[in-house]
Structures are given as C-alpha cells and as structure tokens.
Amino acid sequence: MPVANDASRTRQNFHKVVAASAIYAVQVFLTSFWALIYLVHLWTTKVCFTFKHVSNYLDPVFLDKLFREHN
C-alpha cells in the first residue's frame, strides 16, 4: 500500500512541476510578446513621424513656397 501512495505523491509532484513550468513559460512568452509589441509601436511611430517630416520637405507646395521666400 505505501508504494501506491508514494507513486501517487510522485505523480502529484510531477503534475505540480509541469503546471508551474507551463505557467512560467506563458508568463515569459507574454512578457516578451508585449515588449515586442511596445518596441514595434515605438519604431513605427518614429518612422511615421520621420516620414511625415521628410515628406513635408518633399512636398511640392512647400518647396515652391520655400523657393519663393528665398528668391
């Protein structure tokens, strides 16, 4: 009888370890996922602002206005 109890206890401990490992893996994945989303958001925001800034200088109306002011 004690053998069955030891086996049951070992199985329960194994299940606890597997569950704890799964929870930890999900936490690490979600943390990495949200960090990646945040970095992509920052990068795309910076690119959009940079593109808008550059496109303002390439805008023909802006260039024409700039040219007329300096000549």
N, C-alpha and C. Protein backbone atom coordinates (compact mmCIF):
# COMPACT_ATOMS: atom_id res chain seq x y z
N MET A 1 0.80 -1.21 0.00
CA MET A 1 0.00 0.00 0.00
C MET A 1 0.84 1.27 0.00
N PRO A 2 1.93 1.34 0.77
CA PRO A 2 2.72 2.56 0.74
C PRO A 2 3.33 2.85 -0.63
N VAL A 3 3.55 1.81 -1.43
CA VAL A 3 4.11 2.02 -2.77
C VAL A 3 3.13 2.84 -3.61
N ALA A 4 1.85 2.51 -3.52
CA ALA A 4 0.84 3.25 -4.28
C ALA A 4 0.79 4.70 -3.82
N ASN A 5 0.91 4.92 -2.52
CA ASN A 5 0.90 6.29 -2.02
C ASN A 5 2.12 7.07 -2.50
N ASP A 6 3.28 6.43 -2.50
CA ASP A 6 4.49 7.11 -2.99
C ASP A 6 4.38 7.42 -4.47
N ALA A 7 3.84 6.48 -5.23
CA ALA A 7 3.67 6.71 -6.67
C ALA A 7 2.68 7.84 -6.92
N SER A 8 1.62 7.84 -6.15
CA SER A 8 0.61 8.90 -6.29
C SER A 8 1.21 10.26 -5.93
N ARG A 9 1.98 10.27 -4.86
CA ARG A 9 2.61 11.52 -4.42
C ARG A 9 3.61 12.01 -5.48
N THR A 10 4.38 11.08 -6.04
CA THR A 10 5.35 11.44 -7.08
C THR A 10 4.63 12.01 -8.30
N ARG A 11 3.53 11.36 -8.68
CA ARG A 11 2.75 11.83 -9.83
C ARG A 11 2.19 13.22 -9.56
N GLN A 12 1.68 13.44 -8.35
CA GLN A 12 1.14 14.75 -8.00
C GLN A 12 2.23 15.82 -8.04
N ASN A 13 3.40 15.48 -7.51
CA ASN A 13 4.52 16.43 -7.55
C ASN A 13 4.93 16.73 -8.99
N PHE A 14 4.94 15.69 -9.83
CA PHE A 14 5.28 15.88 -11.23
C PHE A 14 4.28 16.81 -11.90
N HIS A 15 2.99 16.60 -11.63
CA HIS A 15 1.96 17.47 -12.21
C HIS A 15 2.12 18.91 -11.74
N LYS A 16 2.48 19.09 -10.48
CA LYS A 16 2.70 20.44 -9.96
C LYS A 16 3.88 21.12 -10.67
N VAL A 17 4.94 20.37 -10.88
CA VAL A 17 6.12 20.92 -11.56
C VAL A 17 5.78 21.27 -13.01
N VAL A 18 5.05 20.39 -13.68
CA VAL A 18 4.65 20.66 -15.07
C VAL A 18 3.76 21.89 -15.14
N ALA A 19 2.81 22.00 -14.23
CA ALA A 19 1.90 23.15 -14.21
C ALA A 19 2.67 24.44 -13.93
N ALA A 20 3.58 24.40 -12.97
CA ALA A 20 4.38 25.59 -12.65
C ALA A 20 5.26 25.98 -13.83
N SER A 21 5.83 25.00 -14.51
CA SER A 21 6.67 25.28 -15.67
C SER A 21 5.85 25.89 -16.80
N ALA A 22 4.65 25.37 -17.01
CA ALA A 22 3.78 25.90 -18.06
C ALA A 22 3.37 27.33 -17.76
N ILE A 23 3.03 27.60 -16.51
CA ILE A 23 2.66 28.97 -16.12
C ILE A 23 3.84 29.92 -16.32
N TYR A 24 5.03 29.49 -15.93
CA TYR A 24 6.22 30.32 -16.11
C TYR A 24 6.50 30.57 -17.59
N ALA A 25 6.36 29.53 -18.41
CA ALA A 25 6.61 29.69 -19.85
C ALA A 25 5.62 30.67 -20.47
N VAL A 26 4.37 30.60 -20.06
CA VAL A 26 3.36 31.52 -20.59
C VAL A 26 3.67 32.94 -20.14
N GLN A 27 4.08 33.12 -18.89
CA GLN A 27 4.42 34.45 -18.41
C GLN A 27 5.60 35.03 -19.18
N VAL A 28 6.62 34.23 -19.41
CA VAL A 28 7.79 34.70 -20.16
C VAL A 28 7.39 35.05 -21.58
N PHE A 29 6.58 34.21 -22.21
CA PHE A 29 6.13 34.47 -23.58
C PHE A 29 5.33 35.76 -23.65
N LEU A 30 4.37 35.93 -22.73
CA LEU A 30 3.54 37.13 -22.77
C LEU A 30 4.36 38.39 -22.50
N THR A 31 5.30 38.30 -21.58
CA THR A 31 6.16 39.45 -21.30
C THR A 31 6.97 39.82 -22.54
N SER A 32 7.54 38.82 -23.19
CA SER A 32 8.31 39.07 -24.41
C SER A 32 7.41 39.59 -25.52
N PHE A 33 6.22 39.03 -25.63
CA PHE A 33 5.28 39.45 -26.67
C PHE A 33 4.91 40.91 -26.50
N TRP A 34 4.54 41.32 -25.29
CA TRP A 34 4.14 42.71 -25.07
C TRP A 34 5.33 43.66 -25.21
N ALA A 35 6.52 43.20 -24.82
CA ALA A 35 7.71 44.03 -25.03
C ALA A 35 7.95 44.23 -26.52
N LEU A 36 7.76 43.19 -27.31
CA LEU A 36 7.93 43.29 -28.76
C LEU A 36 6.88 44.23 -29.36
N ILE A 37 5.65 44.10 -28.92
CA ILE A 37 4.58 44.99 -29.41
C ILE A 37 4.92 46.44 -29.09
N TYR A 38 5.41 46.69 -27.88
CA TYR A 38 5.77 48.04 -27.47
C TYR A 38 6.90 48.59 -28.34
N LEU A 39 7.93 47.77 -28.58
CA LEU A 39 9.05 48.23 -29.39
C LEU A 39 8.63 48.48 -30.84
N VAL A 40 7.79 47.61 -31.37
CA VAL A 40 7.30 47.81 -32.75
C VAL A 40 6.48 49.09 -32.81
N HIS A 41 5.67 49.33 -31.80
CA HIS A 41 4.87 50.56 -31.77
C HIS A 41 5.78 51.78 -31.76
N LEU A 42 6.79 51.76 -30.90
CA LEU A 42 7.72 52.90 -30.86
C LEU A 42 8.42 53.08 -32.19
N TRP A 43 8.88 51.98 -32.79
CA TRP A 43 9.60 52.06 -34.06
C TRP A 43 8.71 52.60 -35.16
N THR A 44 7.47 52.09 -35.26
CA THR A 44 6.58 52.55 -36.33
C THR A 44 6.17 53.99 -36.11
N THR A 45 5.99 54.39 -34.86
CA THR A 45 5.66 55.78 -34.58
C THR A 45 6.81 56.69 -35.01
N LYS A 46 8.04 56.29 -34.69
CA LYS A 46 9.21 57.07 -35.08
C LYS A 46 9.32 57.14 -36.59
N VAL A 47 9.08 56.03 -37.27
CA VAL A 47 9.16 56.01 -38.73
C VAL A 47 8.09 56.91 -39.33
N CYS A 48 6.88 56.86 -38.78
CA CYS A 48 5.80 57.70 -39.31
C CYS A 48 6.12 59.17 -39.12
N PHE A 49 6.62 59.54 -37.94
CA PHE A 49 6.98 60.93 -37.72
C PHE A 49 8.12 61.36 -38.64
N THR A 50 9.10 60.49 -38.80
CA THR A 50 10.22 60.81 -39.68
C THR A 50 9.75 60.94 -41.11
N PHE A 51 8.90 60.03 -41.56
CA PHE A 51 8.40 60.09 -42.92
C PHE A 51 7.59 61.35 -43.14
N LYS A 52 6.77 61.71 -42.15
CA LYS A 52 5.97 62.93 -42.28
C LYS A 52 6.88 64.14 -42.35
N HIS A 53 7.93 64.15 -41.52
CA HIS A 53 8.87 65.26 -41.51
C HIS A 53 9.57 65.38 -42.87
N VAL A 54 10.03 64.26 -43.40
CA VAL A 54 10.71 64.27 -44.69
C VAL A 54 9.73 64.61 -45.80
N SER A 55 8.53 64.08 -45.74
CA SER A 55 7.57 64.34 -46.80
C SER A 55 7.15 65.81 -46.81
N ASN A 56 7.21 66.48 -45.66
CA ASN A 56 6.93 67.92 -45.66
C ASN A 56 7.95 68.67 -46.50
N TYR A 57 9.20 68.25 -46.44
CA TYR A 57 10.23 68.91 -47.22
C TYR A 57 10.17 68.53 -48.69
N LEU A 58 9.59 67.38 -48.99
CA LEU A 58 9.48 66.95 -50.38
C LEU A 58 8.18 67.39 -51.02
N ASP A 59 7.29 67.95 -50.25
CA ASP A 59 6.01 68.40 -50.77
C ASP A 59 6.24 69.54 -51.76
N PRO A 60 5.73 69.44 -52.98
CA PRO A 60 5.97 70.48 -54.00
C PRO A 60 5.49 71.87 -53.58
N VAL A 61 4.34 71.92 -52.92
CA VAL A 61 3.82 73.23 -52.49
C VAL A 61 4.78 73.85 -51.47
N PHE A 62 5.26 73.02 -50.55
CA PHE A 62 6.20 73.52 -49.55
C PHE A 62 7.50 73.97 -50.22
N LEU A 63 8.00 73.18 -51.16
CA LEU A 63 9.24 73.55 -51.84
C LEU A 63 9.06 74.83 -52.64
N ASP A 64 7.92 74.97 -53.30
CA ASP A 64 7.65 76.19 -54.07
C ASP A 64 7.60 77.39 -53.14
N LYS A 65 6.92 77.24 -52.02
CA LYS A 65 6.83 78.33 -51.04
C LYS A 65 8.22 78.68 -50.51
N LEU A 66 8.99 77.66 -50.21
CA LEU A 66 10.34 77.87 -49.70
C LEU A 66 11.20 78.58 -50.74
N PHE A 67 11.09 78.17 -51.98
CA PHE A 67 11.86 78.78 -53.06
C PHE A 67 11.48 80.24 -53.24
N ARG A 68 10.18 80.55 -53.19
CA ARG A 68 9.72 81.93 -53.37
C ARG A 68 10.17 82.82 -52.20
N GLU A 69 10.24 82.27 -51.00
CA GLU A 69 10.66 83.07 -49.85
C GLU A 69 12.13 83.46 -49.96
N HIS A 70 12.94 82.58 -50.52
CA HIS A 70 14.37 82.84 -50.58
C HIS A 70 14.81 83.54 -51.86
N ASN A 71 13.92 83.74 -52.79
CA ASN A 71 14.30 84.41 -54.05
C ASN A 71 13.49 85.63 -54.31
